[in-house]
N, C-alpha and C. Protein backbone atom coordinates (compact mmCIF):
# COMPACT_ATOMS: atom_id res chain seq x y z
N GLN A 1 -14.16 6.92 14.67
CA GLN A 1 -12.80 7.62 14.01
C GLN A 1 -12.26 6.90 13.04
N VAL A 2 -11.42 7.29 12.31
CA VAL A 2 -10.77 6.60 11.23
C VAL A 2 -9.81 5.58 11.56
N GLN A 3 -10.16 4.68 10.86
CA GLN A 3 -8.72 3.25 11.32
C GLN A 3 -8.77 2.70 10.07
N LEU A 4 -7.47 2.42 9.80
CA LEU A 4 -6.90 1.85 8.66
C LEU A 4 -5.89 0.84 9.37
N VAL A 5 -6.28 -0.33 8.88
CA VAL A 5 -5.81 -1.59 9.29
C VAL A 5 -5.17 -2.59 8.37
N GLU A 6 -3.65 -2.46 8.20
CA GLU A 6 -3.01 -3.36 7.23
C GLU A 6 -2.98 -4.67 7.21
N SER A 7 -3.03 -5.56 6.51
CA SER A 7 -2.64 -6.89 6.51
C SER A 7 -1.11 -7.28 6.84
N GLU A 8 -1.08 -8.38 7.20
CA GLU A 8 0.46 -8.71 7.73
C GLU A 8 1.26 -8.75 6.35
N GLY A 9 2.61 -8.45 6.40
CA GLY A 9 3.40 -8.34 5.34
C GLY A 9 4.31 -9.31 5.49
N GLY A 10 5.46 -9.61 5.04
CA GLY A 10 6.37 -10.80 5.29
C GLY A 10 7.65 -10.65 4.54
N LEU A 11 7.86 -11.96 4.70
CA LEU A 11 9.51 -12.06 4.07
C LEU A 11 9.25 -12.59 2.61
N VAL A 12 9.85 -12.39 1.65
CA VAL A 12 9.64 -12.72 0.13
C VAL A 12 10.87 -12.40 -0.67
N GLN A 13 11.13 -13.85 -1.22
CA GLN A 13 12.49 -13.82 -2.14
C GLN A 13 12.35 -12.97 -3.26
N ALA A 14 13.37 -12.15 -3.63
CA ALA A 14 13.41 -11.27 -5.10
C ALA A 14 12.97 -12.20 -6.14
N GLY A 15 12.00 -11.36 -6.71
CA GLY A 15 11.05 -11.83 -7.92
C GLY A 15 9.86 -12.28 -7.33
N GLY A 16 9.64 -12.54 -6.33
CA GLY A 16 8.34 -13.01 -5.61
C GLY A 16 7.20 -11.80 -5.67
N SER A 17 6.10 -12.48 -5.21
CA SER A 17 5.13 -11.45 -5.03
C SER A 17 4.63 -11.54 -3.82
N LEU A 18 3.77 -10.44 -3.30
CA LEU A 18 2.93 -10.21 -2.12
C LEU A 18 1.71 -9.60 -2.44
N LYS A 19 0.56 -9.61 -1.79
CA LYS A 19 -0.44 -8.68 -1.77
C LYS A 19 -0.76 -8.19 -0.29
N LEU A 20 -0.69 -6.52 -0.20
CA LEU A 20 -1.19 -6.33 0.86
C LEU A 20 -2.49 -5.68 0.67
N SER A 21 -3.32 -5.91 2.29
CA SER A 21 -4.67 -5.00 1.91
C SER A 21 -4.58 -4.18 2.95
N CYS A 22 -5.92 -3.33 3.16
CA CYS A 22 -5.91 -2.21 4.42
C CYS A 22 -7.47 -2.25 4.11
N ALA A 23 -7.91 -2.75 5.38
CA ALA A 23 -9.27 -2.29 5.76
C ALA A 23 -9.45 -1.06 6.45
N ALA A 24 -10.48 -0.73 5.95
CA ALA A 24 -10.98 1.09 6.34
C ALA A 24 -12.33 1.04 7.16
N SER A 25 -12.40 1.99 8.10
CA SER A 25 -13.74 2.29 8.82
C SER A 25 -13.56 3.62 9.43
N GLY A 26 -14.57 4.08 9.50
CA GLY A 26 -14.96 5.33 10.15
C GLY A 26 -15.12 6.77 9.17
N PHE A 27 -15.17 6.47 7.93
CA PHE A 27 -15.49 7.41 6.95
C PHE A 27 -16.17 6.89 5.84
N SER A 28 -16.43 8.04 4.83
CA SER A 28 -16.99 7.44 3.90
C SER A 28 -16.21 6.85 2.85
N PHE A 29 -15.84 5.51 3.05
CA PHE A 29 -14.62 5.17 2.03
C PHE A 29 -14.93 5.24 0.52
N LYS A 30 -16.22 4.99 0.10
CA LYS A 30 -16.28 5.18 -1.70
C LYS A 30 -15.91 6.37 -2.12
N PHE A 31 -16.17 7.54 -1.44
CA PHE A 31 -15.69 8.59 -1.78
C PHE A 31 -14.31 9.44 -1.39
N ALA A 32 -13.38 8.51 -0.75
CA ALA A 32 -11.82 8.90 -0.23
C ALA A 32 -11.13 8.34 -1.49
N ASP A 33 -9.93 9.35 -1.84
CA ASP A 33 -8.78 8.72 -2.50
C ASP A 33 -8.00 8.03 -1.38
N MET A 34 -7.51 6.98 -1.76
CA MET A 34 -6.48 6.18 -0.69
C MET A 34 -5.21 5.88 -1.37
N SER A 35 -4.13 5.75 -0.51
CA SER A 35 -2.63 5.76 -0.81
C SER A 35 -2.14 4.58 -0.13
N TRP A 36 -0.98 3.92 -0.79
CA TRP A 36 -0.07 3.35 0.17
C TRP A 36 1.19 3.97 -0.09
N TYR A 37 2.12 4.03 1.02
CA TYR A 37 3.18 4.74 1.27
C TYR A 37 4.28 3.81 1.79
N ARG A 38 5.43 4.15 1.73
CA ARG A 38 6.60 3.08 2.43
C ARG A 38 7.60 3.82 2.73
N GLN A 39 8.06 3.15 3.91
CA GLN A 39 9.32 3.98 4.52
C GLN A 39 10.39 3.09 4.69
N ALA A 40 11.43 2.91 4.13
CA ALA A 40 12.87 2.16 4.41
C ALA A 40 13.63 2.71 5.23
N PRO A 41 14.57 1.89 6.18
CA PRO A 41 15.33 2.58 7.06
C PRO A 41 15.93 3.67 6.64
N GLY A 42 16.32 4.70 7.47
CA GLY A 42 16.90 5.85 7.03
C GLY A 42 16.43 6.57 6.05
N GLN A 43 15.32 6.32 5.44
CA GLN A 43 14.64 6.97 4.23
C GLN A 43 13.30 7.92 4.64
N GLN A 44 12.93 8.84 3.84
CA GLN A 44 11.71 9.46 4.05
C GLN A 44 10.72 8.56 3.59
N ARG A 45 9.70 8.68 4.13
CA ARG A 45 8.32 7.86 3.71
C ARG A 45 7.95 8.60 2.03
N GLU A 46 7.52 7.62 1.47
CA GLU A 46 7.28 7.90 -0.04
C GLU A 46 5.99 7.51 -0.52
N LEU A 47 5.39 7.98 -1.52
CA LEU A 47 4.15 7.42 -2.12
C LEU A 47 4.66 6.33 -2.79
N VAL A 48 3.85 5.21 -2.61
CA VAL A 48 3.87 4.25 -3.77
C VAL A 48 3.01 4.13 -4.75
N ALA A 49 1.55 4.16 -4.25
CA ALA A 49 0.68 4.20 -5.41
C ALA A 49 -0.78 4.93 -4.72
N ARG A 50 -1.51 5.50 -5.57
CA ARG A 50 -2.70 6.30 -5.15
C ARG A 50 -4.11 5.82 -6.02
N ILE A 51 -4.96 5.49 -5.02
CA ILE A 51 -6.24 5.43 -6.17
C ILE A 51 -7.18 6.43 -5.83
N THR A 52 -7.92 6.91 -6.78
CA THR A 52 -8.99 7.67 -6.16
C THR A 52 -10.40 7.30 -6.18
N ALA A 53 -11.27 8.05 -5.68
CA ALA A 53 -12.62 7.56 -5.50
C ALA A 53 -13.32 7.40 -6.83
N LEU A 54 -12.77 7.57 -8.18
CA LEU A 54 -13.14 7.32 -9.32
C LEU A 54 -12.44 6.33 -9.93
N ASN A 55 -11.44 5.70 -9.01
CA ASN A 55 -10.56 4.49 -9.51
C ASN A 55 -9.26 5.27 -10.54
N ASN A 56 -9.13 6.19 -10.50
CA ASN A 56 -7.78 6.80 -11.23
C ASN A 56 -6.54 6.44 -10.39
N THR A 57 -5.74 5.89 -11.03
CA THR A 57 -4.53 5.36 -10.12
C THR A 57 -3.15 6.27 -10.62
N LYS A 58 -2.31 6.19 -9.57
CA LYS A 58 -0.98 6.59 -9.66
C LYS A 58 0.10 5.96 -9.19
N TYR A 59 1.34 6.03 -9.79
CA TYR A 59 2.29 5.26 -9.35
C TYR A 59 3.45 5.88 -9.17
N SER A 60 4.52 5.61 -8.26
CA SER A 60 5.82 6.27 -8.23
C SER A 60 6.58 5.39 -9.37
N ASP A 61 7.80 6.02 -9.64
CA ASP A 61 8.49 5.62 -11.00
C ASP A 61 9.08 4.01 -10.68
N SER A 62 9.24 4.01 -9.46
CA SER A 62 10.20 2.78 -8.92
C SER A 62 9.15 1.66 -9.02
N VAL A 63 7.98 1.64 -8.88
CA VAL A 63 7.15 0.58 -9.01
C VAL A 63 6.12 0.32 -9.90
N ARG A 64 5.83 1.46 -10.87
CA ARG A 64 5.12 1.41 -11.97
C ARG A 64 5.47 0.00 -12.79
N GLY A 65 4.46 -0.67 -13.49
CA GLY A 65 4.57 -1.89 -13.99
C GLY A 65 4.53 -3.24 -13.06
N ARG A 66 4.89 -2.90 -11.96
CA ARG A 66 5.35 -4.16 -11.05
C ARG A 66 4.21 -4.27 -9.99
N PHE A 67 3.66 -3.09 -9.49
CA PHE A 67 2.68 -2.75 -8.39
C PHE A 67 1.47 -2.88 -8.98
N THR A 68 0.33 -2.84 -8.54
CA THR A 68 -1.05 -2.46 -8.69
C THR A 68 -1.82 -2.38 -7.78
N ILE A 69 -2.53 -1.05 -7.35
CA ILE A 69 -3.49 -0.50 -6.55
C ILE A 69 -4.78 -0.95 -6.92
N SER A 70 -5.52 -1.42 -6.14
CA SER A 70 -7.10 -1.59 -6.57
C SER A 70 -7.82 -1.36 -5.18
N ARG A 71 -9.26 -1.31 -5.32
CA ARG A 71 -10.01 -1.18 -4.16
C ARG A 71 -11.42 -1.81 -4.44
N ASP A 72 -12.06 -2.31 -3.34
CA ASP A 72 -13.43 -2.83 -3.03
C ASP A 72 -13.99 -2.02 -2.28
N ASN A 73 -14.90 -1.41 -2.78
CA ASN A 73 -15.82 -0.29 -2.01
C ASN A 73 -16.80 -1.18 -1.27
N ASN A 74 -17.13 -2.16 -1.44
CA ASN A 74 -18.27 -3.23 -0.68
C ASN A 74 -17.46 -3.65 0.52
N LYS A 75 -16.12 -3.86 0.38
CA LYS A 75 -15.29 -4.16 1.48
C LYS A 75 -14.58 -3.16 2.54
N LYS A 76 -14.64 -2.03 1.63
CA LYS A 76 -14.19 -0.96 2.43
C LYS A 76 -12.42 -1.10 2.26
N THR A 77 -12.13 -1.65 1.33
CA THR A 77 -10.76 -2.17 1.45
C THR A 77 -9.75 -1.82 0.18
N ILE A 78 -8.47 -1.58 0.29
CA ILE A 78 -7.84 -0.90 -0.85
C ILE A 78 -6.61 -2.40 -0.60
N TYR A 79 -6.19 -2.68 -1.84
CA TYR A 79 -5.12 -3.55 -2.00
C TYR A 79 -3.75 -3.02 -2.50
N LEU A 80 -2.57 -3.79 -2.51
CA LEU A 80 -1.44 -3.43 -3.37
C LEU A 80 -0.85 -4.85 -3.84
N GLN A 81 -1.21 -4.87 -4.88
CA GLN A 81 -0.28 -6.29 -5.56
C GLN A 81 0.91 -5.98 -5.87
N MET A 82 1.74 -6.43 -5.27
CA MET A 82 3.30 -6.37 -5.58
C MET A 82 3.89 -7.45 -6.16
N ARG A 83 4.42 -7.39 -7.53
CA ARG A 83 5.00 -8.40 -8.29
C ARG A 83 6.41 -8.11 -8.52
N SER A 84 7.51 -9.02 -9.01
CA SER A 84 8.99 -8.83 -9.30
C SER A 84 9.60 -7.97 -8.29
N LEU A 85 9.40 -8.42 -6.93
CA LEU A 85 9.79 -7.61 -5.68
C LEU A 85 11.39 -7.73 -5.68
N LYS A 86 11.79 -6.45 -5.46
CA LYS A 86 13.36 -6.33 -5.20
C LYS A 86 13.61 -6.22 -4.08
N PRO A 87 15.08 -6.29 -3.61
CA PRO A 87 15.39 -5.96 -2.21
C PRO A 87 15.27 -4.49 -1.62
N GLU A 88 15.07 -3.65 -3.05
CA GLU A 88 14.72 -2.29 -2.53
C GLU A 88 13.47 -1.92 -2.23
N ASP A 89 12.35 -2.96 -2.61
CA ASP A 89 11.15 -2.68 -2.04
C ASP A 89 10.82 -3.02 -0.47
N THR A 90 12.18 -3.26 0.12
CA THR A 90 11.96 -3.71 1.53
C THR A 90 11.82 -2.42 2.32
N ALA A 91 10.36 -2.18 3.03
CA ALA A 91 10.19 -0.99 3.70
C ALA A 91 9.04 -1.45 4.83
N VAL A 92 8.51 -0.54 5.33
CA VAL A 92 7.36 -0.70 6.27
C VAL A 92 6.49 0.33 5.18
N TYR A 93 5.03 -0.74 4.77
CA TYR A 93 4.20 -0.17 4.01
C TYR A 93 3.16 0.59 4.85
N TYR A 94 2.53 1.60 4.30
CA TYR A 94 1.34 2.20 5.34
C TYR A 94 0.38 2.65 4.40
N CYS A 95 -0.67 2.43 4.99
CA CYS A 95 -2.15 2.87 4.12
C CYS A 95 -2.54 4.10 4.53
N TYR A 96 -2.94 5.20 3.85
CA TYR A 96 -2.95 6.50 3.86
C TYR A 96 -4.49 6.90 3.22
N THR A 97 -4.97 7.96 4.12
CA THR A 97 -6.16 8.76 3.63
C THR A 97 -6.45 9.92 4.26
N ASN A 98 -6.48 10.98 3.42
CA ASN A 98 -6.70 12.21 4.35
C ASN A 98 -6.08 12.43 5.57
N ALA A 99 -4.91 12.43 5.85
CA ALA A 99 -4.43 12.76 7.30
C ALA A 99 -4.15 11.66 8.10
N ASN A 100 -4.78 10.45 7.60
CA ASN A 100 -4.80 9.38 8.47
C ASN A 100 -4.20 8.22 7.96
N TRP A 101 -3.12 7.85 8.80
CA TRP A 101 -2.29 6.68 8.55
C TRP A 101 -2.81 5.26 9.12
N GLY A 102 -2.37 4.34 8.79
CA GLY A 102 -2.45 2.84 9.09
C GLY A 102 -0.73 2.66 10.28
N ARG A 103 -1.05 1.68 10.80
CA ARG A 103 0.12 1.31 11.75
C ARG A 103 1.60 1.05 10.68
N GLY A 104 1.19 0.40 9.64
CA GLY A 104 2.32 -0.05 8.81
C GLY A 104 2.43 -1.43 8.52
N THR A 105 3.15 -2.23 7.92
CA THR A 105 3.48 -3.39 7.73
C THR A 105 4.87 -3.73 7.36
N GLN A 106 5.51 -4.63 7.80
CA GLN A 106 6.94 -4.73 7.27
C GLN A 106 6.76 -5.62 5.92
N VAL A 107 7.49 -5.13 4.82
CA VAL A 107 7.91 -6.08 3.68
C VAL A 107 9.22 -6.14 3.49
N THR A 108 9.76 -7.35 3.55
CA THR A 108 10.98 -7.58 3.55
C THR A 108 11.20 -8.92 2.29
N VAL A 109 12.09 -8.13 1.26
CA VAL A 109 12.68 -8.64 0.27
C VAL A 109 14.04 -9.16 -0.13
N SER A 110 14.12 -10.29 0.22
CA SER A 110 15.60 -11.03 0.56
C SER A 110 16.17 -11.43 -0.99
N THR A 111 17.52 -11.20 -1.11
CA THR A 111 18.18 -11.65 -2.21
C THR A 111 18.41 -12.95 -2.50
């Protein structure tokens, strides 16, 4: 079955950086579009970034220019490099593909 396992998030100071990864299994990874979503307390889950099977990328307005999504098909893993983090980036970050979700990982950005 499809499994998506996010790396551990963490606590970062504002302005800092953090890189998340999501290891995938149980499906044809190289043909799959992959996404990162996030959900802040009291907020709806929102798309952060998406990378297609052809490596086309899309970002939300709030992270464009600060976050970078990438993939390694050999490792069946996607990444989210987050830079210039802001307190409003605090959320649980989820890996997603084709109606399947990871368990999520907490990212907290302190002032």
